[in-house]
């Protein structure tokens, strides 16, 4: 019984990576998400907000910025407070959004 609970725990990373890979192999639709830029230079805050969630982690902001730059737009860091950017995500088989 103990092994039944331990096996998924130790292989969770591999299972997650496999499912995310499968998700990217079959696309359903393209979802366009509009983000509002929230910038406060005094407090050194730079975030994206879509009405539901805030994105403020450097890694996530860099991924979106690289995606936009590859689409021939300027980096998200060059936008000002209250600007709106649109990002195209692809919904995969498991309905998980990802950037191509």
N, C-alpha and C. Protein backbone atom coordinates (compact mmCIF):
# COMPACT_ATOMS: atom_id res chain seq x y z
N UNK A 1 0.83 -1.19 0.00
CA UNK A 1 0.00 0.00 0.00
C UNK A 1 0.88 1.27 0.00
N UNK A 2 1.96 1.22 0.76
CA UNK A 2 2.86 2.35 0.84
C UNK A 2 3.52 2.63 -0.51
N UNK A 3 3.89 1.58 -1.23
CA UNK A 3 4.50 1.75 -2.55
C UNK A 3 3.52 2.37 -3.55
N UNK A 4 2.25 2.09 -3.40
CA UNK A 4 1.24 2.65 -4.31
C UNK A 4 1.19 4.17 -4.21
N UNK A 5 1.49 4.71 -3.04
CA UNK A 5 1.50 6.16 -2.87
C UNK A 5 2.87 6.77 -3.17
N UNK A 6 3.91 6.02 -3.01
CA UNK A 6 5.26 6.55 -3.21
C UNK A 6 5.64 6.62 -4.68
N UNK A 7 5.20 5.69 -5.49
CA UNK A 7 5.57 5.67 -6.91
C UNK A 7 5.11 6.93 -7.63
N UNK A 8 3.83 7.32 -7.51
CA UNK A 8 3.44 8.57 -8.18
C UNK A 8 4.18 9.80 -7.65
N UNK A 9 4.51 9.80 -6.37
CA UNK A 9 5.22 10.93 -5.79
C UNK A 9 6.61 11.10 -6.42
N UNK A 10 7.33 10.02 -6.59
CA UNK A 10 8.68 10.09 -7.14
C UNK A 10 8.70 10.31 -8.65
N UNK A 11 7.64 9.91 -9.33
CA UNK A 11 7.59 10.06 -10.78
C UNK A 11 6.71 11.22 -11.22
N UNK A 12 6.31 12.09 -10.28
CA UNK A 12 5.40 13.20 -10.60
C UNK A 12 5.97 14.11 -11.68
N UNK A 13 7.23 14.46 -11.60
CA UNK A 13 7.85 15.34 -12.59
C UNK A 13 7.80 14.73 -13.98
N UNK A 14 8.12 13.45 -14.07
CA UNK A 14 8.10 12.77 -15.36
C UNK A 14 6.69 12.67 -15.91
N UNK A 15 5.73 12.38 -15.05
CA UNK A 15 4.34 12.29 -15.48
C UNK A 15 3.84 13.65 -15.95
N UNK A 16 4.15 14.72 -15.19
CA UNK A 16 3.75 16.08 -15.59
C UNK A 16 4.35 16.47 -16.93
N UNK A 17 5.64 16.22 -17.10
CA UNK A 17 6.30 16.56 -18.36
C UNK A 17 5.70 15.79 -19.53
N UNK A 18 5.39 14.52 -19.33
CA UNK A 18 4.78 13.72 -20.39
C UNK A 18 3.40 14.26 -20.75
N UNK A 19 2.59 14.59 -19.76
CA UNK A 19 1.25 15.11 -20.03
C UNK A 19 1.32 16.48 -20.72
N UNK A 20 2.27 17.33 -20.32
CA UNK A 20 2.41 18.62 -20.99
C UNK A 20 2.89 18.45 -22.43
N UNK A 21 3.74 17.46 -22.67
CA UNK A 21 4.17 17.17 -24.03
C UNK A 21 2.99 16.71 -24.88
N UNK A 22 2.18 15.81 -24.35
CA UNK A 22 0.98 15.33 -25.06
C UNK A 22 0.04 16.51 -25.32
N UNK A 23 -0.08 17.41 -24.37
CA UNK A 23 -0.95 18.58 -24.52
C UNK A 23 -0.54 19.41 -25.72
N UNK A 24 0.76 19.56 -25.96
CA UNK A 24 1.22 20.41 -27.06
C UNK A 24 1.13 19.72 -28.42
N UNK A 25 0.90 18.43 -28.46
CA UNK A 25 0.86 17.71 -29.73
C UNK A 25 -0.49 17.84 -30.44
N UNK A 26 -1.53 18.13 -29.71
CA UNK A 26 -2.87 18.24 -30.27
C UNK A 26 -3.48 19.57 -29.84
N UNK A 27 -3.66 20.47 -30.80
CA UNK A 27 -4.18 21.80 -30.47
C UNK A 27 -5.67 21.87 -30.79
N UNK A 28 -6.38 22.62 -29.95
CA UNK A 28 -7.81 22.79 -30.14
C UNK A 28 -8.14 24.16 -30.72
N UNK A 29 -7.62 25.18 -30.11
CA UNK A 29 -7.95 26.54 -30.53
C UNK A 29 -6.87 27.49 -30.07
N UNK A 30 -6.94 28.69 -30.60
CA UNK A 30 -6.03 29.76 -30.18
C UNK A 30 -6.83 30.71 -29.30
N UNK A 31 -6.29 31.01 -28.15
CA UNK A 31 -6.94 31.92 -27.22
C UNK A 31 -6.12 33.20 -27.14
N UNK A 32 -6.76 34.32 -27.34
CA UNK A 32 -6.11 35.63 -27.23
C UNK A 32 -6.46 36.22 -25.87
N UNK A 33 -5.43 36.53 -25.11
CA UNK A 33 -5.62 37.09 -23.78
C UNK A 33 -5.09 38.52 -23.78
N UNK A 34 -5.90 39.45 -23.30
CA UNK A 34 -5.49 40.85 -23.20
C UNK A 34 -4.97 41.10 -21.79
N UNK A 35 -3.76 41.64 -21.71
CA UNK A 35 -3.15 41.96 -20.42
C UNK A 35 -2.99 43.46 -20.30
N UNK A 36 -3.32 43.99 -19.14
CA UNK A 36 -3.05 45.39 -18.82
C UNK A 36 -1.69 45.46 -18.15
N UNK A 37 -0.90 46.44 -18.55
CA UNK A 37 0.42 46.65 -17.95
C UNK A 37 0.23 47.45 -16.67
N UNK A 38 0.82 46.96 -15.59
CA UNK A 38 0.81 47.68 -14.32
C UNK A 38 2.27 47.93 -13.96
N UNK A 39 2.63 49.21 -13.98
CA UNK A 39 4.02 49.58 -13.73
C UNK A 39 4.06 50.66 -12.66
N UNK A 40 4.90 50.44 -11.67
CA UNK A 40 5.12 51.43 -10.63
C UNK A 40 6.61 51.51 -10.40
N UNK A 41 7.24 52.49 -11.01
CA UNK A 41 8.70 52.60 -10.93
C UNK A 41 9.18 52.89 -9.51
N UNK A 42 8.38 53.59 -8.75
CA UNK A 42 8.78 53.92 -7.38
C UNK A 42 8.94 52.64 -6.56
N UNK A 43 8.01 51.71 -6.69
CA UNK A 43 8.07 50.45 -5.94
C UNK A 43 8.71 49.32 -6.72
N UNK A 44 9.20 49.62 -7.92
CA UNK A 44 9.83 48.64 -8.80
C UNK A 44 8.91 47.46 -9.08
N UNK A 45 7.66 47.76 -9.43
CA UNK A 45 6.67 46.73 -9.73
C UNK A 45 6.37 46.76 -11.22
N UNK A 46 6.39 45.58 -11.83
CA UNK A 46 5.99 45.46 -13.23
C UNK A 46 5.18 44.17 -13.34
N UNK A 47 3.91 44.30 -13.69
CA UNK A 47 3.01 43.14 -13.74
C UNK A 47 2.13 43.20 -14.97
N UNK A 48 1.60 42.05 -15.31
CA UNK A 48 0.56 41.93 -16.32
C UNK A 48 -0.70 41.45 -15.61
N UNK A 49 -1.84 42.01 -15.98
CA UNK A 49 -3.10 41.64 -15.32
C UNK A 49 -4.15 41.45 -16.39
N UNK A 50 -4.82 40.29 -16.36
CA UNK A 50 -5.85 40.00 -17.36
C UNK A 50 -7.27 40.06 -16.80
N UNK A 51 -7.44 40.56 -15.60
CA UNK A 51 -8.76 40.62 -14.98
C UNK A 51 -8.96 39.51 -13.96
N UNK A 52 -8.16 38.45 -14.05
CA UNK A 52 -8.26 37.34 -13.12
C UNK A 52 -6.98 37.12 -12.32
N UNK A 53 -5.86 37.12 -13.02
CA UNK A 53 -4.59 36.83 -12.35
C UNK A 53 -3.55 37.89 -12.68
N UNK A 54 -2.60 38.03 -11.79
CA UNK A 54 -1.46 38.89 -12.00
C UNK A 54 -0.27 38.02 -12.39
N UNK A 55 0.51 38.47 -13.36
CA UNK A 55 1.76 37.82 -13.70
C UNK A 55 2.87 38.78 -13.34
N UNK A 56 3.66 38.39 -12.35
CA UNK A 56 4.73 39.28 -11.91
C UNK A 56 6.06 38.56 -11.76
N UNK A 57 6.10 37.26 -12.01
CA UNK A 57 7.36 36.53 -11.91
C UNK A 57 8.22 36.81 -13.13
N UNK A 58 9.50 37.03 -12.89
CA UNK A 58 10.42 37.39 -13.96
C UNK A 58 10.45 36.35 -15.07
N UNK A 59 10.43 35.07 -14.72
CA UNK A 59 10.49 34.01 -15.73
C UNK A 59 9.27 34.04 -16.65
N UNK A 60 8.10 34.22 -16.08
CA UNK A 60 6.87 34.27 -16.88
C UNK A 60 6.84 35.52 -17.75
N UNK A 61 7.25 36.65 -17.20
CA UNK A 61 7.30 37.88 -17.99
C UNK A 61 8.29 37.75 -19.14
N UNK A 62 9.43 37.11 -18.89
CA UNK A 62 10.42 36.91 -19.95
C UNK A 62 9.90 36.00 -21.06
N UNK A 63 9.16 34.96 -20.70
CA UNK A 63 8.58 34.06 -21.71
C UNK A 63 7.61 34.82 -22.61
N UNK A 64 6.75 35.61 -21.99
CA UNK A 64 5.78 36.38 -22.78
C UNK A 64 6.50 37.43 -23.62
N UNK A 65 7.51 38.07 -23.05
CA UNK A 65 8.27 39.08 -23.79
C UNK A 65 8.97 38.46 -24.99
N UNK A 66 9.59 37.31 -24.81
CA UNK A 66 10.26 36.63 -25.92
C UNK A 66 9.27 36.23 -27.00
N UNK A 67 8.09 35.80 -26.60
CA UNK A 67 7.06 35.43 -27.57
C UNK A 67 6.62 36.64 -28.38
N UNK A 68 6.46 37.76 -27.71
CA UNK A 68 6.03 38.99 -28.40
C UNK A 68 7.14 39.50 -29.32
N UNK A 69 8.39 39.45 -28.86
CA UNK A 69 9.51 39.91 -29.68
C UNK A 69 9.61 39.05 -30.94
N UNK A 70 9.40 37.73 -30.80
CA UNK A 70 9.43 36.84 -31.96
C UNK A 70 8.31 37.15 -32.94
N UNK A 71 7.24 37.77 -32.44
CA UNK A 71 6.13 38.18 -33.30
C UNK A 71 6.33 39.58 -33.86
N UNK A 72 7.56 40.11 -33.74
CA UNK A 72 7.95 41.40 -34.28
C UNK A 72 7.31 42.59 -33.56
N UNK A 73 7.05 42.45 -32.28
CA UNK A 73 6.60 43.56 -31.45
C UNK A 73 7.70 43.88 -30.45
N UNK A 74 7.60 45.04 -29.82
CA UNK A 74 8.62 45.41 -28.85
C UNK A 74 8.44 44.63 -27.55
N UNK A 75 9.46 44.63 -26.75
CA UNK A 75 9.46 43.91 -25.47
C UNK A 75 8.38 44.48 -24.55
N UNK A 76 7.85 43.65 -23.68
CA UNK A 76 6.81 44.14 -22.77
C UNK A 76 7.33 45.18 -21.81
N UNK A 77 8.62 45.17 -21.55
CA UNK A 77 9.22 46.16 -20.65
C UNK A 77 9.20 47.57 -21.24
N UNK A 78 8.98 47.69 -22.54
CA UNK A 78 8.95 48.99 -23.19
C UNK A 78 7.56 49.63 -23.17
N UNK A 79 6.56 48.87 -22.75
CA UNK A 79 5.21 49.42 -22.64
C UNK A 79 5.07 50.19 -21.34
N UNK A 80 4.16 51.12 -21.33
CA UNK A 80 3.94 51.98 -20.17
C UNK A 80 2.75 51.49 -19.35
N UNK A 81 2.59 52.10 -18.19
CA UNK A 81 1.47 51.79 -17.31
C UNK A 81 0.13 51.99 -18.03
N UNK A 82 -0.77 51.05 -17.87
CA UNK A 82 -2.13 51.05 -18.42
C UNK A 82 -2.18 50.75 -19.91
N UNK A 83 -1.05 50.40 -20.55
CA UNK A 83 -1.09 49.91 -21.93
C UNK A 83 -1.70 48.51 -21.93
N UNK A 84 -2.23 48.12 -23.07
CA UNK A 84 -2.83 46.79 -23.20
C UNK A 84 -2.08 46.03 -24.28
N UNK A 85 -1.69 44.80 -23.97
CA UNK A 85 -1.07 43.93 -24.97
C UNK A 85 -1.92 42.68 -25.13
N UNK A 86 -1.87 42.11 -26.32
CA UNK A 86 -2.60 40.87 -26.59
C UNK A 86 -1.59 39.76 -26.84
N UNK A 87 -1.80 38.62 -26.18
CA UNK A 87 -0.92 37.48 -26.30
C UNK A 87 -1.75 36.30 -26.77
N UNK A 88 -1.25 35.62 -27.82
CA UNK A 88 -1.95 34.44 -28.35
C UNK A 88 -1.40 33.17 -27.71
N UNK A 89 -2.26 32.46 -27.02
CA UNK A 89 -1.93 31.17 -26.44
C UNK A 89 -2.63 30.10 -27.26
N UNK A 90 -2.08 28.91 -27.27
CA UNK A 90 -2.71 27.78 -27.92
C UNK A 90 -3.23 26.86 -26.84
N UNK A 91 -4.50 26.45 -26.95
CA UNK A 91 -5.06 25.48 -26.03
C UNK A 91 -4.76 24.09 -26.55
N UNK A 92 -4.20 23.26 -25.70
CA UNK A 92 -3.84 21.90 -26.11
C UNK A 92 -4.93 20.91 -25.80
N UNK A 93 -4.59 19.65 -25.95
CA UNK A 93 -5.51 18.54 -25.75
C UNK A 93 -6.12 18.55 -24.35
N UNK A 94 -5.34 18.87 -23.35
CA UNK A 94 -5.80 18.86 -21.97
C UNK A 94 -6.33 20.21 -21.53
N UNK A 95 -6.56 21.11 -22.48
CA UNK A 95 -7.08 22.46 -22.26
C UNK A 95 -6.12 23.29 -21.39
N UNK A 96 -4.83 23.07 -21.56
CA UNK A 96 -3.80 23.86 -20.90
C UNK A 96 -3.21 24.79 -21.93
N UNK A 97 -3.21 26.10 -21.64
CA UNK A 97 -2.69 27.10 -22.56
C UNK A 97 -1.17 27.09 -22.55
N UNK A 98 -0.59 27.28 -23.73
CA UNK A 98 0.87 27.37 -23.83
C UNK A 98 1.24 28.30 -24.97
N UNK A 99 2.46 28.84 -24.90
CA UNK A 99 2.99 29.70 -25.96
C UNK A 99 3.73 28.83 -26.96
N UNK A 100 3.56 29.14 -28.23
CA UNK A 100 4.31 28.40 -29.25
C UNK A 100 5.60 29.09 -29.54
